[in-house]
Protein backbone atom coordinates (compact mmCIF):
# COMPACT_ATOMS: atom_id res chain seq x y z
CA MET A 1 0.00 -0.03 -0.04
CA THR A 2 2.83 2.34 0.61
CA GLU A 3 3.92 1.81 -2.92
CA PHE A 4 0.49 2.73 -4.13
CA ASN A 5 0.50 5.94 -2.03
CA GLN A 6 3.98 6.91 -3.28
CA ASN A 7 2.81 6.30 -6.94
CA ASN A 8 -0.32 8.23 -6.21
CA LYS A 9 1.68 11.17 -4.74
CA LYS A 10 4.04 11.15 -7.74
CA PHE A 11 1.00 11.13 -10.08
CA LYS A 12 -0.63 14.03 -8.21
CA SER A 13 2.62 15.98 -8.24
CA LYS A 14 3.02 15.42 -11.96
CA TYR A 15 -0.65 16.30 -12.53
CA TRP A 16 -0.34 19.63 -10.70
CA LYS A 17 2.95 20.42 -12.50
CA PHE A 18 1.19 19.67 -15.79
CA VAL A 19 -1.79 21.86 -14.88
CA ALA A 20 0.48 24.72 -13.70
CA GLY A 21 2.51 24.39 -16.88
CA PHE A 22 -0.58 24.39 -19.05
CA PHE A 23 -1.90 27.57 -17.35
CA ILE A 24 1.51 29.29 -17.64
CA LEU A 25 1.51 28.35 -21.36
CA ILE A 26 -1.95 29.78 -21.82
CA PHE A 27 -1.01 32.95 -19.93
CA LEU A 28 2.16 33.36 -21.97
CA ALA A 29 0.19 32.86 -25.18
CA ILE A 30 -2.43 35.49 -24.23
CA ALA A 31 0.21 37.92 -23.00
CA GLY A 32 2.23 37.40 -26.13
CA TYR A 33 -0.82 37.98 -28.31
CA ALA A 34 -1.60 41.17 -26.36
CA VAL A 35 1.90 42.44 -26.61
CA TRP A 36 2.06 41.68 -30.28
CA ASN A 37 -1.15 43.57 -31.00
CA LYS A 38 -0.11 46.53 -28.85
CA TYR A 39 3.35 47.06 -30.22
CA PHE A 40 3.90 45.05 -33.43
CA GLY A 41 0.45 44.48 -35.04
CA SER A 42 -0.75 46.37 -38.02
CA GLU A 43 -3.22 48.49 -36.03
CA ALA A 44 -0.39 49.49 -33.72
CA ARG A 45 1.85 50.46 -36.54
CA ALA A 46 -1.04 52.49 -38.13
CA ILE A 47 -1.76 54.25 -34.87
CA ARG A 48 1.98 55.11 -34.43
CA ALA A 49 2.08 56.42 -38.03
CA LYS A 50 -1.00 58.58 -37.45
CA GLN A 51 0.42 59.87 -34.19
CA LYS A 52 3.71 60.73 -35.93
CA GLN A 53 1.82 62.48 -38.79
CA ILE A 54 -0.30 64.51 -36.27
CA GLN A 55 2.84 65.49 -34.27
CA PHE A 56 4.55 66.58 -37.60
CA THR A 57 1.42 68.70 -38.47
CA LEU A 58 1.36 70.24 -34.99
CA ASP A 59 5.08 71.04 -35.13
CA ALA A 60 4.73 72.58 -38.63
CA GLN A 61 1.73 74.63 -37.50
CA LYS A 62 3.61 75.90 -34.43
CA LYS A 63 6.59 76.80 -36.59
CA TYR A 64 4.32 78.65 -39.02
CA GLU A 65 2.55 80.55 -36.32
CA GLU A 66 5.87 81.50 -34.77
CA ALA A 67 7.21 82.73 -38.13
CA MET A 68 3.98 84.65 -38.71
CA LYS A 69 4.07 86.19 -35.19
CA ASN A 70 7.65 87.33 -35.78
CA ASP A 71 7.05 88.63 -39.24
CA THR A 72 7.54 92.44 -39.41
CA TYR A 73 7.30 92.91 -43.16
CA GLY A 74 3.99 94.71 -43.82
CA GLY A 75 1.87 97.59 -42.70
CA LYS A 76 -0.88 98.05 -40.17
CA THR A 77 -3.11 98.88 -43.12
CA PRO A 78 -3.36 97.38 -46.62
CA GLU A 79 -2.43 100.73 -48.14
CA GLU A 80 0.66 100.95 -45.94
CA THR A 81 1.78 97.55 -47.07
CA LEU A 82 1.39 98.47 -50.76
CA GLN A 83 3.35 101.67 -50.16
CA MET A 84 6.18 99.71 -48.44
CA PHE A 85 6.12 97.22 -51.34
CA THR A 86 6.31 99.91 -54.07
CA GLY A 87 9.07 101.65 -52.05
CA ALA A 88 11.13 98.46 -52.21
CA LEU A 89 10.49 98.12 -55.94
CA LYS A 90 11.54 101.80 -56.53
CA LYS A 91 14.86 100.87 -54.86
CA GLY A 92 15.06 97.72 -56.96
CA ASP A 93 15.29 95.64 -53.78
CA ILE A 94 13.55 92.44 -54.86
CA ASP A 95 14.46 90.53 -51.71
CA LEU A 96 12.73 93.14 -49.56
CA ALA A 97 9.80 93.45 -51.91
CA SER A 98 9.16 89.69 -51.84
CA LYS A 99 8.91 89.79 -47.93
CA TYR A 100 5.64 91.72 -48.23
CA PHE A 101 3.81 88.65 -49.69
CA VAL A 102 2.06 86.04 -47.51
CA LEU A 103 4.60 83.50 -46.14
CA ARG A 104 4.53 79.85 -47.22
CA GLU A 105 3.35 77.16 -44.82
CA ASP A 106 6.88 76.61 -43.58
CA GLY A 107 7.22 80.31 -42.67
CA SER A 108 9.46 81.20 -45.56
CA VAL A 109 9.19 83.63 -48.45
CA ASP A 110 7.78 81.85 -51.48
CA PRO A 111 10.60 81.74 -54.13
CA LYS A 112 8.03 82.23 -56.92
CA TRP A 113 7.68 85.87 -55.86
CA VAL A 114 11.52 86.44 -55.64
CA GLU A 115 11.92 84.80 -59.10
CA GLY A 116 8.91 86.59 -60.65
CA LEU A 117 9.88 90.02 -59.42
CA GLY A 118 13.55 89.31 -60.48
CA LYS A 119 12.36 88.61 -63.96
CA GLU A 120 10.29 91.79 -64.02
CA LYS A 121 13.36 93.75 -62.91
CA THR A 122 15.55 92.11 -65.52
CA ASP A 123 12.90 92.87 -68.20
CA GLY A 124 12.65 96.47 -66.92
CA ARG A 125 9.01 96.37 -65.92
CA LEU A 126 9.25 97.34 -62.19
CA GLN A 127 8.04 100.92 -63.03
CA GLN A 128 5.07 99.37 -64.74
CA ILE A 129 4.17 97.36 -61.71
CA ILE A 130 4.63 100.41 -59.44
CA GLY A 131 2.35 102.42 -61.76
CA ILE A 132 -0.36 99.66 -61.59
CA ILE A 133 -0.23 99.63 -57.83
CA GLN A 134 -0.39 103.40 -57.60
CA ARG A 135 -3.52 103.42 -59.80
CA SER A 136 -5.21 100.75 -57.71
CA LYS A 137 -8.29 101.63 -55.77
CA SER A 138 -9.74 99.87 -52.76
CA ASP A 139 -12.82 97.70 -53.69
CA SER A 140 -15.07 98.37 -50.70
CA ALA A 141 -17.38 95.54 -51.73
CA GLN A 142 -14.57 93.06 -51.11
CA LEU A 143 -13.24 94.63 -47.91
CA THR A 144 -13.54 92.58 -44.67
CA ASP A 145 -11.69 92.72 -41.39
CA TYR A 146 -9.14 90.20 -42.69
CA SER A 147 -9.06 90.78 -46.43
CA ALA A 148 -8.69 93.77 -48.74
CA TRP A 149 -9.05 93.94 -52.50
CA PHE A 150 -7.66 96.59 -54.81
CA THR A 151 -8.55 96.84 -58.46
CA VAL A 152 -7.08 98.65 -61.38
CA ASP A 153 -9.62 99.43 -64.11
CA ASP A 154 -8.91 99.66 -67.78
CA ASN A 155 -10.19 102.52 -69.98
CA SER A 156 -13.61 100.99 -70.21
CA GLY A 157 -14.06 100.71 -66.45
CA MET A 158 -13.57 96.93 -66.25
CA ALA A 159 -11.09 95.53 -63.71
CA GLU A 160 -7.83 94.89 -65.43
CA TYR A 161 -5.78 93.92 -62.33
CA THR A 162 -6.71 92.76 -58.86
CA ILE A 163 -4.45 92.93 -55.78
CA ILE A 164 -5.52 90.97 -52.73
CA LEU A 165 -4.02 91.51 -49.23
CA ASN A 166 -4.78 89.57 -46.07
CA LEU A 167 -4.33 90.48 -42.38
CA ASP A 168 -1.89 88.18 -40.62
CA LYS A 169 -3.73 87.64 -37.35
CA GLN A 170 -0.58 86.51 -35.60
CA SER A 171 1.46 89.74 -36.22
CA GLY A 172 -1.30 92.17 -37.02
CA ILE A 173 0.25 93.18 -40.32
CA TRP A 174 -1.14 93.11 -43.93
CA LYS A 175 0.50 90.85 -46.46
CA ILE A 176 0.01 90.67 -50.24
CA GLU A 177 -1.79 87.46 -51.19
CA SER A 178 -1.87 87.95 -54.92
CA LEU A 179 -0.76 90.57 -57.44
C-alpha cells in the first residue's frame, strides 16, 4: 500500500505540475498576443504612423505661427503695405519686396515671388508694376476685417488687375496674397 501511495503522490505531483505548466503556457500565449497587438500589429503600426503625422502637423503649425508672429514685413493697413512694397520696388530691392507677400506654410518667403519680381526687374517692368499699384483703388465691396481687394480698371471701367491683401492675425500686419 505504501507503494501505491507513493505512486499516487508522484502522479498528483506530476498532474499539478502539468496543470500549472498548461496555465503558464496559456497565460504566456495570451500575454504574447496582447503584446504583439499593442506594439507590433498592423493596427499598432497604423496608430503610431498617425500619431507621428499628427505631431509633424502640429510642429509645422507651431513653426508657421511663430514665423507669422515674428514677421515684421508689412503695414498696419493694406495701403501701408502697398506703399512699403512699391518703395522696395523703386529701390530695386527684390528680396525686400518679396517679404511683403504672404509667407509659405513653412514660414519662408515663396521663391516664386522672388523669381517673378527678379524677372520683371531684368525685363525693366518694375516701373510698370509700381504704376499699376499706384492706380489701384480699394474695392469696398470686397473689404473685410481680414481681407482687402484693390482693383485697377482699364479705360472701359473693367477691372484689369486685382491685388488681394490679407491680415496676418498673428502679427497684425497686412500681407500681399496675390498681385
